[in-house]
Amino acid sequence: MLHGFGYDVSSYDYTVVLGSYEYHPLVSSSIDLEIFSLRANEWEQIEFDSDLPYWNTERPEGAPRVGSFLNGSIHWLVYNYETEIDVIIAYDLKEKTMSEIALPDDFYSDFSPNLYDLLVLRGLISVWNMEMSTLKIWVMQEYAVHSSWTKTFDFSFDPAPDFSPVCFTNGGDIVGPVADGGLAKLDDKGGLLEYHSYGDCHFVRSQISVYTESLLSLPDGTEQA
């Protein structure tokens, strides 16, 4: 399952996007995409000219994948079972279209990573992977331009934590959950700056989101654009 949340500036509307499918190991299945308009207070099924051959990054039966909103589109890191590669897909809220963005050429150059995902870094689409004790992060400097992928972080931990980056501070430090249920802040060399334990709470990365506080109210269907 895929889901995301974004704002359509063309209609002044907040939108929830839900992608679902029935997984069968021997049968291909296309994602069914639905959007919920907070202004209209209703769901709408989105129709495409062709099937959407995507799963949750080789874990089709796994936990829901949360999308990242940027440039008017919601982005997910998914597995294309037709081409048999991982890709980024972007759903444009205004145009109601889906497009693909290829991962960096060297994303799998050494090993098949055991942890990897998508994030937005300082307003830019980014991807990261972690294999054994090494964390690598690539940033797409120019949106949807493949040649602009740039590796910005590449460092090792000792000992290696089960760490997943979620966001960066204004000072360039990396924040994310670790497997024992805590949150860690690292510097750009992988050094531990802060750690906060939350007892028996074991985080799933897709349950953690970054938000910006606002005094604006969500539309309730009675307001005029």
C-alpha atoms as a PDB file:
ATOM      1  CA  MET A   1       0.000   0.000   0.000  1.00  0.00           C
ATOM      2  CA  LEU A   2       1.117   3.567  -0.783  1.00  0.00           C
ATOM      3  CA  HIS A   3      -0.222   6.748   0.768  1.00  0.00           C
ATOM      4  CA  GLY A   4       0.638  10.431   0.851  1.00  0.00           C
ATOM      5  CA  PHE A   5      -0.579  13.909   1.671  1.00  0.00           C
ATOM      6  CA  GLY A   6      -0.126  17.099  -0.326  1.00  0.00           C
ATOM      7  CA  TYR A   7      -1.526  20.480  -1.340  1.00  0.00           C
ATOM      8  CA  ASP A   8      -2.879  21.301  -4.797  1.00  0.00           C
ATOM      9  CA  VAL A   9      -2.238  25.017  -5.374  1.00  0.00           C
ATOM     10  CA  SER A  10      -4.472  25.042  -8.469  1.00  0.00           C
ATOM     11  CA  SER A  11      -7.572  24.143  -6.455  1.00  0.00           C
ATOM     12  CA  TYR A  12      -6.485  25.355  -2.988  1.00  0.00           C
ATOM     13  CA  ASP A  13      -7.136  21.862  -1.716  1.00  0.00           C
ATOM     14  CA  TYR A  14      -5.377  19.422   0.603  1.00  0.00           C
ATOM     15  CA  THR A  15      -5.367  15.915  -0.813  1.00  0.00           C
ATOM     16  CA  VAL A  16      -4.831  12.426   0.578  1.00  0.00           C
ATOM     17  CA  VAL A  17      -3.592   9.877  -1.981  1.00  0.00           C
ATOM     18  CA  LEU A  18      -3.997   6.137  -1.425  1.00  0.00           C
ATOM     19  CA  GLY A  19      -2.554   3.438  -3.673  1.00  0.00           C
ATOM     20  CA  SER A  20      -3.554  -0.174  -3.063  1.00  0.00           C
ATOM     21  CA  TYR A  21      -3.324  -3.536  -4.790  1.00  0.00           C
ATOM     22  CA  GLU A  22      -3.935  -7.221  -4.206  1.00  0.00           C
ATOM     23  CA  TYR A  23      -0.613  -9.030  -4.086  1.00  0.00           C
ATOM     24  CA  HIS A  24      -0.317 -12.478  -5.685  1.00  0.00           C
ATOM     25  CA  PRO A  25       3.227 -13.876  -6.129  1.00  0.00           C
ATOM     26  CA  LEU A  26       2.480 -15.372  -9.550  1.00  0.00           C
ATOM     27  CA  VAL A  27       0.020 -12.794 -10.861  1.00  0.00           C
ATOM     28  CA  SER A  28       0.796  -9.189 -11.852  1.00  0.00           C
ATOM     29  CA  SER A  29      -1.458  -6.545 -10.362  1.00  0.00           C
ATOM     30  CA  SER A  30      -1.810  -2.822 -11.002  1.00  0.00           C
ATOM     31  CA  ILE A  31      -2.092  -0.193  -8.301  1.00  0.00           C
ATOM     32  CA  ASP A  32      -5.537   1.310  -7.811  1.00  0.00           C
ATOM     33  CA  LEU A  33      -5.132   4.993  -6.984  1.00  0.00           C
ATOM     34  CA  GLU A  34      -7.705   7.002  -5.047  1.00  0.00           C
ATOM     35  CA  ILE A  35      -7.578  10.605  -3.849  1.00  0.00           C
ATOM     36  CA  PHE A  36      -9.513  12.236  -1.051  1.00  0.00           C
ATOM     37  CA  SER A  37     -10.290  15.948  -1.369  1.00  0.00           C
ATOM     38  CA  LEU A  38     -10.577  17.720   1.972  1.00  0.00           C
ATOM     39  CA  ARG A  39     -12.470  20.557   0.285  1.00  0.00           C
ATOM     40  CA  ALA A  40     -15.011  18.287  -1.419  1.00  0.00           C
ATOM     41  CA  ASN A  41     -14.943  15.756   1.445  1.00  0.00           C
ATOM     42  CA  GLU A  42     -15.071  12.803  -0.945  1.00  0.00           C
ATOM     43  CA  TRP A  43     -12.955  10.060  -2.523  1.00  0.00           C
ATOM     44  CA  GLU A  44     -12.279   9.834  -6.262  1.00  0.00           C
ATOM     45  CA  GLN A  45     -10.906   6.879  -8.230  1.00  0.00           C
ATOM     46  CA  ILE A  46      -8.129   7.942 -10.625  1.00  0.00           C
ATOM     47  CA  GLU A  47      -8.055   6.299 -14.044  1.00  0.00           C
ATOM     48  CA  PHE A  48      -4.869   5.923 -16.104  1.00  0.00           C
ATOM     49  CA  ASP A  49      -4.336   4.929 -19.732  1.00  0.00           C
ATOM     50  CA  SER A  50      -2.160   1.990 -18.669  1.00  0.00           C
ATOM     51  CA  ASP A  51      -1.562  -0.166 -15.589  1.00  0.00           C
ATOM     52  CA  LEU A  52       0.710   0.987 -12.757  1.00  0.00           C
ATOM     53  CA  PRO A  53       3.107  -1.984 -12.273  1.00  0.00           C
ATOM     54  CA  TYR A  54       4.462  -1.043  -8.848  1.00  0.00           C
ATOM     55  CA  TRP A  55       4.980  -2.676  -5.463  1.00  0.00           C
ATOM     56  CA  ASN A  56       6.512  -1.543  -2.175  1.00  0.00           C
ATOM     57  CA  THR A  57      10.207  -1.863  -3.162  1.00  0.00           C
ATOM     58  CA  GLU A  58      10.348  -5.636  -3.468  1.00  0.00           C
ATOM     59  CA  ARG A  59       8.197  -5.975  -0.329  1.00  0.00           C
ATOM     60  CA  PRO A  60       4.720  -6.036  -1.881  1.00  0.00           C
ATOM     61  CA  GLU A  61       3.146  -7.555   1.207  1.00  0.00           C
ATOM     62  CA  GLY A  62       5.062  -5.260   3.596  1.00  0.00           C
ATOM     63  CA  ALA A  63       4.254  -2.116   5.567  1.00  0.00           C
ATOM     64  CA  PRO A  64       2.637   0.889   3.829  1.00  0.00           C
ATOM     65  CA  ARG A  65       5.014   3.239   2.019  1.00  0.00           C
ATOM     66  CA  VAL A  66       4.524   6.915   2.894  1.00  0.00           C
ATOM     67  CA  GLY A  67       5.039   9.431   0.086  1.00  0.00           C
ATOM     68  CA  SER A  68       7.046  12.671   0.157  1.00  0.00           C
ATOM     69  CA  PHE A  69       5.441  15.856  -1.199  1.00  0.00           C
ATOM     70  CA  LEU A  70       7.535  18.167  -3.393  1.00  0.00           C
ATOM     71  CA  ASN A  71       6.952  20.324  -6.505  1.00  0.00           C
ATOM     72  CA  GLY A  72       3.220  19.678  -6.487  1.00  0.00           C
ATOM     73  CA  SER A  73       3.674  15.898  -6.601  1.00  0.00           C
ATOM     74  CA  ILE A  74       3.740  13.037  -4.108  1.00  0.00           C
ATOM     75  CA  HIS A  75       6.746  10.736  -4.514  1.00  0.00           C
ATOM     76  CA  TRP A  76       7.274   7.110  -3.512  1.00  0.00           C
ATOM     77  CA  LEU A  77      10.197   4.723  -3.851  1.00  0.00           C
ATOM     78  CA  VAL A  78       8.718   1.569  -5.387  1.00  0.00           C
ATOM     79  CA  TYR A  79       9.610  -1.599  -7.281  1.00  0.00           C
ATOM     80  CA  ASN A  80       8.577  -1.830 -10.948  1.00  0.00           C
ATOM     81  CA  TYR A  81       7.870  -5.533 -11.441  1.00  0.00           C
ATOM     82  CA  GLU A  82       7.849  -5.193 -15.256  1.00  0.00           C
ATOM     83  CA  THR A  83      11.348  -3.708 -15.538  1.00  0.00           C
ATOM     84  CA  GLU A  84      12.474  -5.418 -12.290  1.00  0.00           C
ATOM     85  CA  ILE A  85      14.114  -2.297 -10.880  1.00  0.00           C
ATOM     86  CA  ASP A  86      13.395   0.172  -8.102  1.00  0.00           C
ATOM     87  CA  VAL A  87      12.240   3.618  -9.227  1.00  0.00           C
ATOM     88  CA  ILE A  88      10.733   6.796  -7.840  1.00  0.00           C
ATOM     89  CA  ILE A  89       7.184   7.498  -8.979  1.00  0.00           C
ATOM     90  CA  ALA A  90       5.622  10.961  -8.784  1.00  0.00           C
ATOM     91  CA  TYR A  91       1.889  11.643  -8.801  1.00  0.00           C
ATOM     92  CA  ASP A  92       1.104  15.207  -9.951  1.00  0.00           C
ATOM     93  CA  LEU A  93      -1.867  16.502  -7.928  1.00  0.00           C
ATOM     94  CA  LYS A  94      -2.850  19.140 -10.508  1.00  0.00           C
ATOM     95  CA  GLU A  95      -2.455  17.121 -13.721  1.00  0.00           C
ATOM     96  CA  LYS A  96      -3.426  13.790 -12.111  1.00  0.00           C
ATOM     97  CA  THR A  97      -0.614  12.020 -13.931  1.00  0.00           C
ATOM     98  CA  MET A  98       2.068   9.551 -12.836  1.00  0.00           C
ATOM     99  CA  SER A  99       5.722   9.718 -13.908  1.00  0.00           C
ATOM    100  CA  GLU A 100       8.923   7.800 -13.139  1.00  0.00           C
ATOM    101  CA  ILE A 101      12.290   9.063 -11.935  1.00  0.00           C
ATOM    102  CA  ALA A 102      15.281   6.701 -12.210  1.00  0.00           C
ATOM    103  CA  LEU A 103      17.571   6.152  -9.235  1.00  0.00           C
ATOM    104  CA  PRO A 104      21.279   7.127  -9.350  1.00  0.00           C
ATOM    105  CA  ASP A 105      23.364   4.881 -11.606  1.00  0.00           C
ATOM    106  CA  ASP A 106      25.612   3.825  -8.708  1.00  0.00           C
ATOM    107  CA  PHE A 107      22.810   3.219  -6.180  1.00  0.00           C
ATOM    108  CA  TYR A 108      23.507  -0.546  -6.245  1.00  0.00           C
ATOM    109  CA  SER A 109      27.146  -0.385  -7.341  1.00  0.00           C
ATOM    110  CA  ASP A 110      28.612  -2.332  -4.408  1.00  0.00           C
ATOM    111  CA  PHE A 111      25.971  -4.377  -2.591  1.00  0.00           C
ATOM    112  CA  SER A 112      22.248  -4.834  -2.476  1.00  0.00           C
ATOM    113  CA  PRO A 113      21.377  -2.588   0.497  1.00  0.00           C
ATOM    114  CA  ASN A 114      19.297  -3.933   3.358  1.00  0.00           C
ATOM    115  CA  LEU A 115      17.801  -0.503   4.115  1.00  0.00           C
ATOM    116  CA  TYR A 116      16.910   2.190   1.589  1.00  0.00           C
ATOM    117  CA  ASP A 117      14.260   4.836   1.028  1.00  0.00           C
ATOM    118  CA  LEU A 118      13.328   8.262  -0.275  1.00  0.00           C
ATOM    119  CA  LEU A 119      13.403  11.584   1.564  1.00  0.00           C
ATOM    120  CA  VAL A 120      13.277  15.313   0.845  1.00  0.00           C
ATOM    121  CA  LEU A 121      16.532  17.035   1.760  1.00  0.00           C
ATOM    122  CA  ARG A 122      16.491  20.849   1.856  1.00  0.00           C
ATOM    123  CA  GLY A 123      13.758  20.976  -0.770  1.00  0.00           C
ATOM    124  CA  LEU A 124      15.383  18.389  -3.070  1.00  0.00           C
ATOM    125  CA  ILE A 125      14.487  14.776  -3.835  1.00  0.00           C
ATOM    126  CA  SER A 126      16.997  12.443  -2.189  1.00  0.00           C
ATOM    127  CA  VAL A 127      17.523   8.712  -1.763  1.00  0.00           C
ATOM    128  CA  TRP A 128      19.629   6.823   0.736  1.00  0.00           C
ATOM    129  CA  ASN A 129      20.787   3.290   1.359  1.00  0.00           C
ATOM    130  CA  MET A 130      22.567   1.500   4.152  1.00  0.00           C
ATOM    131  CA  GLU A 131      24.508  -1.728   3.749  1.00  0.00           C
ATOM    132  CA  MET A 132      26.300  -3.188   6.747  1.00  0.00           C
ATOM    133  CA  SER A 133      27.814  -0.110   8.423  1.00  0.00           C
ATOM    134  CA  THR A 134      27.868   2.393   5.517  1.00  0.00           C
ATOM    135  CA  LEU A 135      25.248   5.087   4.897  1.00  0.00           C
ATOM    136  CA  LYS A 136      25.074   6.788   1.482  1.00  0.00           C
ATOM    137  CA  ILE A 137      22.793   9.647   0.448  1.00  0.00           C
ATOM    138  CA  TRP A 138      22.240  11.016  -3.077  1.00  0.00           C
ATOM    139  CA  VAL A 139      20.532  14.333  -3.868  1.00  0.00           C
ATOM    140  CA  MET A 140      18.904  15.256  -7.194  1.00  0.00           C
ATOM    141  CA  GLN A 141      20.171  18.808  -7.637  1.00  0.00           C
ATOM    142  CA  GLU A 142      17.776  19.559 -10.534  1.00  0.00           C
ATOM    143  CA  TYR A 143      14.319  18.038 -10.337  1.00  0.00           C
ATOM    144  CA  ALA A 144      13.725  15.107 -12.733  1.00  0.00           C
ATOM    145  CA  VAL A 145      17.161  15.533 -14.383  1.00  0.00           C
ATOM    146  CA  HIS A 146      18.940  12.192 -14.025  1.00  0.00           C
ATOM    147  CA  SER A 147      22.433  13.569 -14.570  1.00  0.00           C
ATOM    148  CA  SER A 148      22.007  15.859 -11.551  1.00  0.00           C
ATOM    149  CA  TRP A 149      22.113  12.999  -9.009  1.00  0.00           C
ATOM    150  CA  THR A 150      24.992  13.754  -6.630  1.00  0.00           C
ATOM    151  CA  LYS A 151      26.276  11.625  -3.755  1.00  0.00           C
ATOM    152  CA  THR A 152      26.464  14.027  -0.802  1.00  0.00           C
ATOM    153  CA  PHE A 153      27.056  11.658   2.144  1.00  0.00           C
ATOM    154  CA  ASP A 154      29.113   8.465   2.363  1.00  0.00           C
ATOM    155  CA  PHE A 155      30.339   7.387   5.777  1.00  0.00           C
ATOM    156  CA  SER A 156      30.599   4.342   8.029  1.00  0.00           C
ATOM    157  CA  PHE A 157      29.469   3.657  11.582  1.00  0.00           C
ATOM    158  CA  ASP A 158      31.357   1.716  14.240  1.00  0.00           C
ATOM    159  CA  PRO A 159      29.521  -0.136  15.614  1.00  0.00           C
ATOM    160  CA  ALA A 160      26.829  -0.176  12.926  1.00  0.00           C
ATOM    161  CA  PRO A 161      23.336   0.895  14.136  1.00  0.00           C
ATOM    162  CA  ASP A 162      20.077   0.046  12.420  1.00  0.00           C
ATOM    163  CA  PHE A 163      19.602   3.723  11.495  1.00  0.00           C
ATOM    164  CA  SER A 164      17.222   5.344   8.992  1.00  0.00           C
ATOM    165  CA  PRO A 165      17.627   9.060   8.134  1.00  0.00           C
ATOM    166  CA  VAL A 166      14.384  11.034   8.172  1.00  0.00           C
ATOM    167  CA  CYS A 167      15.438  14.685   8.074  1.00  0.00           C
ATOM    168  CA  PHE A 168      18.329  17.120   8.381  1.00  0.00           C
ATOM    169  CA  THR A 169      18.710  20.015  10.778  1.00  0.00           C
ATOM    170  CA  ASN A 170      19.534  23.534   9.611  1.00  0.00           C
ATOM    171  CA  GLY A 171      23.099  22.862  10.696  1.00  0.00           C
ATOM    172  CA  GLY A 172      23.407  19.772   8.484  1.00  0.00           C
ATOM    173  CA  ASP A 173      23.024  17.091  11.150  1.00  0.00           C
ATOM    174  CA  ILE A 174      21.036  13.925  10.362  1.00  0.00           C
ATOM    175  CA  VAL A 175      18.053  12.817  12.490  1.00  0.00           C
ATOM    176  CA  GLY A 176      16.342   9.432  12.383  1.00  0.00           C
ATOM    177  CA  PRO A 177      15.163   6.370  14.331  1.00  0.00           C
ATOM    178  CA  VAL A 178      17.260   3.370  15.349  1.00  0.00           C
ATOM    179  CA  ALA A 179      16.021  -0.163  15.775  1.00  0.00           C
ATOM    180  CA  ASP A 180      15.909  -0.173  19.585  1.00  0.00           C
ATOM    181  CA  GLY A 181      13.138   2.425  19.652  1.00  0.00           C
ATOM    182  CA  GLY A 182      15.217   5.587  20.023  1.00  0.00           C
ATOM    183  CA  LEU A 183      15.905   8.691  17.965  1.00  0.00           C
ATOM    184  CA  ALA A 184      19.474   9.672  17.096  1.00  0.00           C
ATOM    185  CA  LYS A 185      21.121  12.816  15.740  1.00  0.00           C
ATOM    186  CA  LEU A 186      24.380  12.354  13.843  1.00  0.00           C
ATOM    187  CA  ASP A 187      26.872  14.792  12.389  1.00  0.00           C
ATOM    188  CA  ASP A 188      27.876  14.676   8.714  1.00  0.00           C
ATOM    189  CA  LYS A 189      30.674  12.207   9.535  1.00  0.00           C
ATOM    190  CA  GLY A 190      28.391   9.720  11.302  1.00  0.00           C
ATOM    191  CA  GLY A 191      29.312  10.784  14.834  1.00  0.00           C
ATOM    192  CA  LEU A 192      26.559  10.490  17.457  1.00  0.00           C
ATOM    193  CA  LEU A 193      25.519  13.917  18.771  1.00  0.00           C
ATOM    194  CA  GLU A 194      22.297  13.087  20.626  1.00  0.00           C
ATOM    195  CA  TYR A 195      20.238  10.046  21.465  1.00  0.00           C
ATOM    196  CA  HIS A 196      16.772   9.825  23.030  1.00  0.00           C
ATOM    197  CA  SER A 197      15.289   6.518  24.119  1.00  0.00           C
ATOM    198  CA  TYR A 198      11.551   5.899  24.118  1.00  0.00           C
ATOM    199  CA  GLY A 199      11.499   2.656  26.067  1.00  0.00           C
ATOM    200  CA  ASP A 200       9.712  -0.208  24.387  1.00  0.00           C
ATOM    201  CA  CYS A 201       8.469   1.939  21.486  1.00  0.00           C
ATOM    202  CA  HIS A 202       9.915   0.451  18.299  1.00  0.00           C
ATOM    203  CA  PHE A 203       9.689   2.909  15.434  1.00  0.00           C
ATOM    204  CA  VAL A 204       8.742   2.009  11.901  1.00  0.00           C
ATOM    205  CA  ARG A 205      10.314   4.650   9.688  1.00  0.00           C
ATOM    206  CA  SER A 206       7.176   5.123   7.588  1.00  0.00           C
ATOM    207  CA  GLN A 207       5.315   6.225  10.723  1.00  0.00           C
ATOM    208  CA  ILE A 208       7.592   9.242  11.214  1.00  0.00           C
ATOM    209  CA  SER A 209       6.935  12.458   9.311  1.00  0.00           C
ATOM    210  CA  VAL A 210       8.393  15.944   9.222  1.00  0.00           C
ATOM    211  CA  TYR A 211       5.974  18.878   9.277  1.00  0.00           C
ATOM    212  CA  THR A 212       5.962  22.664   9.355  1.00  0.00           C
ATOM    213  CA  GLU A 213       3.668  24.392  11.821  1.00  0.00           C
ATOM    214  CA  SER A 214       0.995  26.673  10.376  1.00  0.00           C
ATOM    215  CA  LEU A 215      -1.868  28.831  11.671  1.00  0.00           C
ATOM    216  CA  LEU A 216      -3.938  28.151   8.533  1.00  0.00           C
ATOM    217  CA  SER A 217      -7.013  25.953   8.827  1.00  0.00           C
ATOM    218  CA  LEU A 218      -7.745  23.021   6.559  1.00  0.00           C
ATOM    219  CA  PRO A 219     -10.646  23.562   4.103  1.00  0.00           C
ATOM    220  CA  ASP A 220     -13.952  22.166   5.314  1.00  0.00           C
ATOM    221  CA  GLY A 221     -15.932  22.267   2.065  1.00  0.00           C
ATOM    222  CA  THR A 222     -17.772  25.496   2.911  1.00  0.00           C
ATOM    223  CA  GLU A 223     -15.017  27.971   2.054  1.00  0.00           C
ATOM    224  CA  GLN A 224     -14.750  29.583  -1.359  1.00  0.00           C
ATOM    225  CA  ALA A 225     -11.423  29.553  -3.234  1.00  0.00           C
END
